[in-house]
C-alpha atoms as a PDB file:
ATOM      1  CA  UNK A   1      51.486 -48.536 -64.936  1.00  0.00           C
ATOM      2  CA  UNK A   2      48.700 -47.857 -67.129  1.00  0.00           C
ATOM      3  CA  UNK A   3      46.862 -44.712 -66.799  1.00  0.00           C
ATOM      4  CA  UNK A   4      43.421 -45.442 -65.417  1.00  0.00           C
ATOM      5  CA  UNK A   5      40.311 -43.581 -66.023  1.00  0.00           C
ATOM      6  CA  UNK A   6      40.593 -39.892 -65.886  1.00  0.00           C
ATOM      7  CA  UNK A   7      39.619 -38.425 -62.525  1.00  0.00           C
ATOM      8  CA  UNK A   8      37.359 -35.504 -62.657  1.00  0.00           C
ATOM      9  CA  UNK A   9      37.220 -32.696 -60.165  1.00  0.00           C
ATOM     10  CA  UNK A  10      34.980 -33.227 -57.135  1.00  0.00           C
ATOM     11  CA  UNK A  11      31.748 -31.373 -57.528  1.00  0.00           C
ATOM     12  CA  UNK A  12      29.957 -30.148 -54.434  1.00  0.00           C
ATOM     13  CA  UNK A  13      26.178 -30.324 -54.207  1.00  0.00           C
ATOM     14  CA  UNK A  14      24.353 -27.042 -54.700  1.00  0.00           C
ATOM     15  CA  UNK A  15      23.945 -24.757 -51.688  1.00  0.00           C
ATOM     16  CA  UNK A  16      20.740 -25.456 -49.779  1.00  0.00           C
ATOM     17  CA  UNK A  17      18.050 -22.915 -50.475  1.00  0.00           C
ATOM     18  CA  UNK A  18      16.213 -20.832 -47.924  1.00  0.00           C
ATOM     19  CA  UNK A  19      13.138 -22.959 -48.265  1.00  0.00           C
ATOM     20  CA  UNK A  20      12.164 -25.368 -46.753  1.00  0.00           C
ATOM     21  CA  UNK A  21      13.672 -24.491 -43.426  1.00  0.00           C
ATOM     22  CA  UNK A  22      15.494 -27.130 -41.472  1.00  0.00           C
ATOM     23  CA  UNK A  23      13.542 -28.862 -38.676  1.00  0.00           C
ATOM     24  CA  UNK A  24      15.484 -27.013 -35.981  1.00  0.00           C
ATOM     25  CA  UNK A  25      14.275 -23.661 -37.266  1.00  0.00           C
ATOM     26  CA  UNK A  26      10.668 -24.902 -37.231  1.00  0.00           C
ATOM     27  CA  UNK A  27      11.125 -26.082 -33.654  1.00  0.00           C
ATOM     28  CA  UNK A  28      12.527 -22.709 -32.574  1.00  0.00           C
ATOM     29  CA  UNK A  29       9.633 -20.940 -34.283  1.00  0.00           C
ATOM     30  CA  UNK A  30       7.137 -23.173 -32.508  1.00  0.00           C
ATOM     31  CA  UNK A  31       8.743 -22.476 -29.131  1.00  0.00           C
ATOM     32  CA  UNK A  32       8.738 -18.733 -29.847  1.00  0.00           C
ATOM     33  CA  UNK A  33       5.064 -18.753 -30.877  1.00  0.00           C
ATOM     34  CA  UNK A  34       4.084 -20.728 -27.771  1.00  0.00           C
ATOM     35  CA  UNK A  35       6.058 -18.358 -25.557  1.00  0.00           C
ATOM     36  CA  UNK A  36       4.424 -15.298 -27.102  1.00  0.00           C
ATOM     37  CA  UNK A  37       0.974 -16.897 -26.758  1.00  0.00           C
ATOM     38  CA  UNK A  38       1.617 -17.650 -23.099  1.00  0.00           C
ATOM     39  CA  UNK A  39       2.781 -14.094 -22.453  1.00  0.00           C
ATOM     40  CA  UNK A  40      -0.295 -12.676 -24.181  1.00  0.00           C
ATOM     41  CA  UNK A  41      -2.637 -14.919 -22.170  1.00  0.00           C
ATOM     42  CA  UNK A  42      -0.864 -14.029 -18.936  1.00  0.00           C
ATOM     43  CA  UNK A  43      -1.083 -10.306 -19.703  1.00  0.00           C
ATOM     44  CA  UNK A  44      -4.758 -10.671 -20.586  1.00  0.00           C
ATOM     45  CA  UNK A  45      -5.530 -12.531 -17.357  1.00  0.00           C
ATOM     46  CA  UNK A  46      -3.722  -9.868 -15.351  1.00  0.00           C
ATOM     47  CA  UNK A  47      -5.653  -7.105 -17.112  1.00  0.00           C
ATOM     48  CA  UNK A  48      -8.988  -8.849 -16.511  1.00  0.00           C
ATOM     49  CA  UNK A  49      -8.095  -9.430 -12.853  1.00  0.00           C
ATOM     50  CA  UNK A  50      -6.955  -5.820 -12.422  1.00  0.00           C
ATOM     51  CA  UNK A  51     -10.207  -4.516 -13.935  1.00  0.00           C
ATOM     52  CA  UNK A  52     -12.253  -6.797 -11.670  1.00  0.00           C
ATOM     53  CA  UNK A  53     -10.337  -5.646  -8.595  1.00  0.00           C
ATOM     54  CA  UNK A  54     -10.848  -2.026  -9.597  1.00  0.00           C
ATOM     55  CA  UNK A  55     -14.596  -2.636  -9.987  1.00  0.00           C
ATOM     56  CA  UNK A  56     -14.862  -4.237  -6.526  1.00  0.00           C
ATOM     57  CA  UNK A  57     -12.768  -1.492  -4.929  1.00  0.00           C
ATOM     58  CA  UNK A  58     -14.709   1.213  -6.762  1.00  0.00           C
ATOM     59  CA  UNK A  59     -18.013  -0.205  -5.546  1.00  0.00           C
ATOM     60  CA  UNK A  60     -16.751  -0.260  -1.950  1.00  0.00           C
ATOM     61  CA  UNK A  61     -15.335   3.253  -2.297  1.00  0.00           C
ATOM     62  CA  UNK A  62     -18.737   4.473  -3.522  1.00  0.00           C
ATOM     63  CA  UNK A  63     -20.387   2.948  -0.450  1.00  0.00           C
ATOM     64  CA  UNK A  64     -17.782   4.457   1.877  1.00  0.00           C
ATOM     65  CA  UNK A  65     -18.081   7.931   0.334  1.00  0.00           C
ATOM     66  CA  UNK A  66     -21.896   7.993   0.164  1.00  0.00           C
ATOM     67  CA  UNK A  67     -22.822  10.380   2.945  1.00  0.00           C
ATOM     68  CA  UNK A  68     -26.436  10.863   1.829  1.00  0.00           C
ATOM     69  CA  UNK A  69     -27.617   7.331   2.651  1.00  0.00           C
ATOM     70  CA  UNK A  70     -28.496   6.228   6.153  1.00  0.00           C
ATOM     71  CA  UNK A  71     -25.950   4.197   8.088  1.00  0.00           C
ATOM     72  CA  UNK A  72     -28.077   1.059   7.970  1.00  0.00           C
ATOM     73  CA  UNK A  73     -28.372   1.327   4.184  1.00  0.00           C
ATOM     74  CA  UNK A  74     -24.622   1.794   3.778  1.00  0.00           C
ATOM     75  CA  UNK A  75     -23.863  -1.198   6.007  1.00  0.00           C
ATOM     76  CA  UNK A  76     -26.436  -3.286   4.119  1.00  0.00           C
ATOM     77  CA  UNK A  77     -24.858  -2.287   0.801  1.00  0.00           C
ATOM     78  CA  UNK A  78     -21.378  -3.167   2.092  1.00  0.00           C
ATOM     79  CA  UNK A  79     -22.627  -6.502   3.397  1.00  0.00           C
ATOM     80  CA  UNK A  80     -24.275  -7.274   0.050  1.00  0.00           C
ATOM     81  CA  UNK A  81     -21.082  -6.329  -1.788  1.00  0.00           C
ATOM     82  CA  UNK A  82     -19.126  -8.710   0.445  1.00  0.00           C
ATOM     83  CA  UNK A  83     -21.607 -11.485  -0.270  1.00  0.00           C
ATOM     84  CA  UNK A  84     -21.270 -10.945  -4.012  1.00  0.00           C
ATOM     85  CA  UNK A  85     -17.476 -11.000  -3.719  1.00  0.00           C
ATOM     86  CA  UNK A  86     -17.561 -14.174  -1.624  1.00  0.00           C
ATOM     87  CA  UNK A  87     -19.889 -15.760  -4.187  1.00  0.00           C
ATOM     88  CA  UNK A  88     -17.160 -15.319  -6.816  1.00  0.00           C
ATOM     89  CA  UNK A  89     -14.736 -17.398  -4.773  1.00  0.00           C
ATOM     90  CA  UNK A  90     -16.977 -19.747  -2.813  1.00  0.00           C
ATOM     91  CA  UNK A  91     -20.637 -19.923  -3.917  1.00  0.00           C
ATOM     92  CA  UNK A  92     -21.663 -22.038  -0.933  1.00  0.00           C
ATOM     93  CA  UNK A  93     -20.393 -19.454   1.567  1.00  0.00           C
ATOM     94  CA  UNK A  94     -22.549 -16.688   0.101  1.00  0.00           C
ATOM     95  CA  UNK A  95     -25.704 -18.207   1.599  1.00  0.00           C
ATOM     96  CA  UNK A  96     -24.355 -18.392   5.148  1.00  0.00           C
ATOM     97  CA  UNK A  97     -26.265 -16.455   7.782  1.00  0.00           C
ATOM     98  CA  UNK A  98     -25.631 -15.105  11.251  1.00  0.00           C
ATOM     99  CA  UNK A  99     -22.803 -16.648  13.246  1.00  0.00           C
ATOM    100  CA  UNK A 100     -21.656 -18.843  10.362  1.00  0.00           C
ATOM    101  CA  UNK A 101     -21.390 -15.807   8.051  1.00  0.00           C
ATOM    102  CA  UNK A 102     -19.503 -13.930  10.778  1.00  0.00           C
ATOM    103  CA  UNK A 103     -17.138 -16.887  11.236  1.00  0.00           C
ATOM    104  CA  UNK A 104     -16.520 -17.008   7.492  1.00  0.00           C
ATOM    105  CA  UNK A 105     -15.692 -13.293   7.435  1.00  0.00           C
ATOM    106  CA  UNK A 106     -13.434 -13.681  10.474  1.00  0.00           C
ATOM    107  CA  UNK A 107     -11.619 -16.550   8.759  1.00  0.00           C
ATOM    108  CA  UNK A 108     -10.489 -14.205   5.980  1.00  0.00           C
ATOM    109  CA  UNK A 109      -7.798 -12.748   8.199  1.00  0.00           C
ATOM    110  CA  UNK A 110      -6.594 -11.962  11.680  1.00  0.00           C
ATOM    111  CA  UNK A 111      -9.217 -10.370  13.889  1.00  0.00           C
ATOM    112  CA  UNK A 112      -9.996 -10.673  17.578  1.00  0.00           C
ATOM    113  CA  UNK A 113     -12.638 -13.280  18.355  1.00  0.00           C
ATOM    114  CA  UNK A 114     -15.015 -10.696  19.812  1.00  0.00           C
ATOM    115  CA  UNK A 115     -14.554  -7.955  17.211  1.00  0.00           C
ATOM    116  CA  UNK A 116     -17.602  -5.645  17.383  1.00  0.00           C
ATOM    117  CA  UNK A 117     -17.097  -4.445  13.801  1.00  0.00           C
ATOM    118  CA  UNK A 118     -17.923  -7.858  12.381  1.00  0.00           C
ATOM    119  CA  UNK A 119     -20.969  -8.118  14.624  1.00  0.00           C
ATOM    120  CA  UNK A 120     -22.168  -4.759  13.331  1.00  0.00           C
ATOM    121  CA  UNK A 121     -21.473  -5.810   9.752  1.00  0.00           C
ATOM    122  CA  UNK A 122     -23.502  -9.003  10.153  1.00  0.00           C
ATOM    123  CA  UNK A 123     -26.353  -7.593  12.265  1.00  0.00           C
ATOM    124  CA  UNK A 124     -26.318  -3.936  11.196  1.00  0.00           C
ATOM    125  CA  UNK A 125     -28.529  -4.216   8.118  1.00  0.00           C
ATOM    126  CA  UNK A 126     -31.427  -5.452  10.297  1.00  0.00           C
ATOM    127  CA  UNK A 127     -31.172  -2.824  12.994  1.00  0.00           C
ATOM    128  CA  UNK A 128     -33.551   0.127  12.894  1.00  0.00           C
ATOM    129  CA  UNK A 129     -30.714   2.653  13.280  1.00  0.00           C
ATOM    130  CA  UNK A 130     -26.948   2.722  13.629  1.00  0.00           C
ATOM    131  CA  UNK A 131     -24.846   5.366  15.310  1.00  0.00           C
ATOM    132  CA  UNK A 132     -22.304   7.085  13.087  1.00  0.00           C
ATOM    133  CA  UNK A 133     -19.408   5.452  14.949  1.00  0.00           C
ATOM    134  CA  UNK A 134     -21.007   2.028  14.553  1.00  0.00           C
ATOM    135  CA  UNK A 135     -21.563   2.671  10.852  1.00  0.00           C
ATOM    136  CA  UNK A 136     -17.948   3.705  10.330  1.00  0.00           C
ATOM    137  CA  UNK A 137     -16.685   0.695  12.293  1.00  0.00           C
ATOM    138  CA  UNK A 138     -18.839  -1.729  10.284  1.00  0.00           C
ATOM    139  CA  UNK A 139     -17.810  -0.113   6.993  1.00  0.00           C
ATOM    140  CA  UNK A 140     -14.124  -0.211   7.896  1.00  0.00           C
ATOM    141  CA  UNK A 141     -14.442  -3.930   8.715  1.00  0.00           C
ATOM    142  CA  UNK A 142     -16.281  -4.496   5.440  1.00  0.00           C
ATOM    143  CA  UNK A 143     -13.505  -2.721   3.549  1.00  0.00           C
ATOM    144  CA  UNK A 144     -10.817  -4.752   5.364  1.00  0.00           C
ATOM    145  CA  UNK A 145     -12.632  -8.028   4.673  1.00  0.00           C
ATOM    146  CA  UNK A 146     -13.095  -7.109   1.005  1.00  0.00           C
ATOM    147  CA  UNK A 147      -9.389  -6.312   0.639  1.00  0.00           C
ATOM    148  CA  UNK A 148      -8.483  -9.647   2.257  1.00  0.00           C
ATOM    149  CA  UNK A 149     -10.904 -11.438  -0.024  1.00  0.00           C
ATOM    150  CA  UNK A 150      -9.562  -9.720  -3.137  1.00  0.00           C
ATOM    151  CA  UNK A 151      -6.033 -10.829  -2.237  1.00  0.00           C
ATOM    152  CA  UNK A 152      -7.174 -14.431  -2.628  1.00  0.00           C
ATOM    153  CA  UNK A 153      -8.956 -13.964  -5.961  1.00  0.00           C
ATOM    154  CA  UNK A 154      -7.471 -15.914  -8.848  1.00  0.00           C
END
């Protein structure tokens, strides 16, 4: 047996450096960035929605607490506020009048078919005067309808 070539020790390649990162790390970073972006957008949407709901509720609260205005004016203001809120969700419904507007308001939630509060809310702004009980009934219906409407806002 003749001695062959001399074998040298096995040399390992150098340790991989920290840069560039392997593709798996880039993929994890991308997923993390997308997740954070989604969370930020979701939080922003919730904050915008919460501020909008607070504005609508604050406007209705101001109408409900205004004891200096006449009942007809308060009912007209509540009706106008409802129309503006409906316009945000369904622009075509904001131009409804009379029985069709009443039916649209009734469709927002459970109410008896002959509810006098909705009639007062629809017809009240055009009456010469409203009794205090009628004003309070119309305003309570307006507040209920607004709350129902706000539940369906995006």
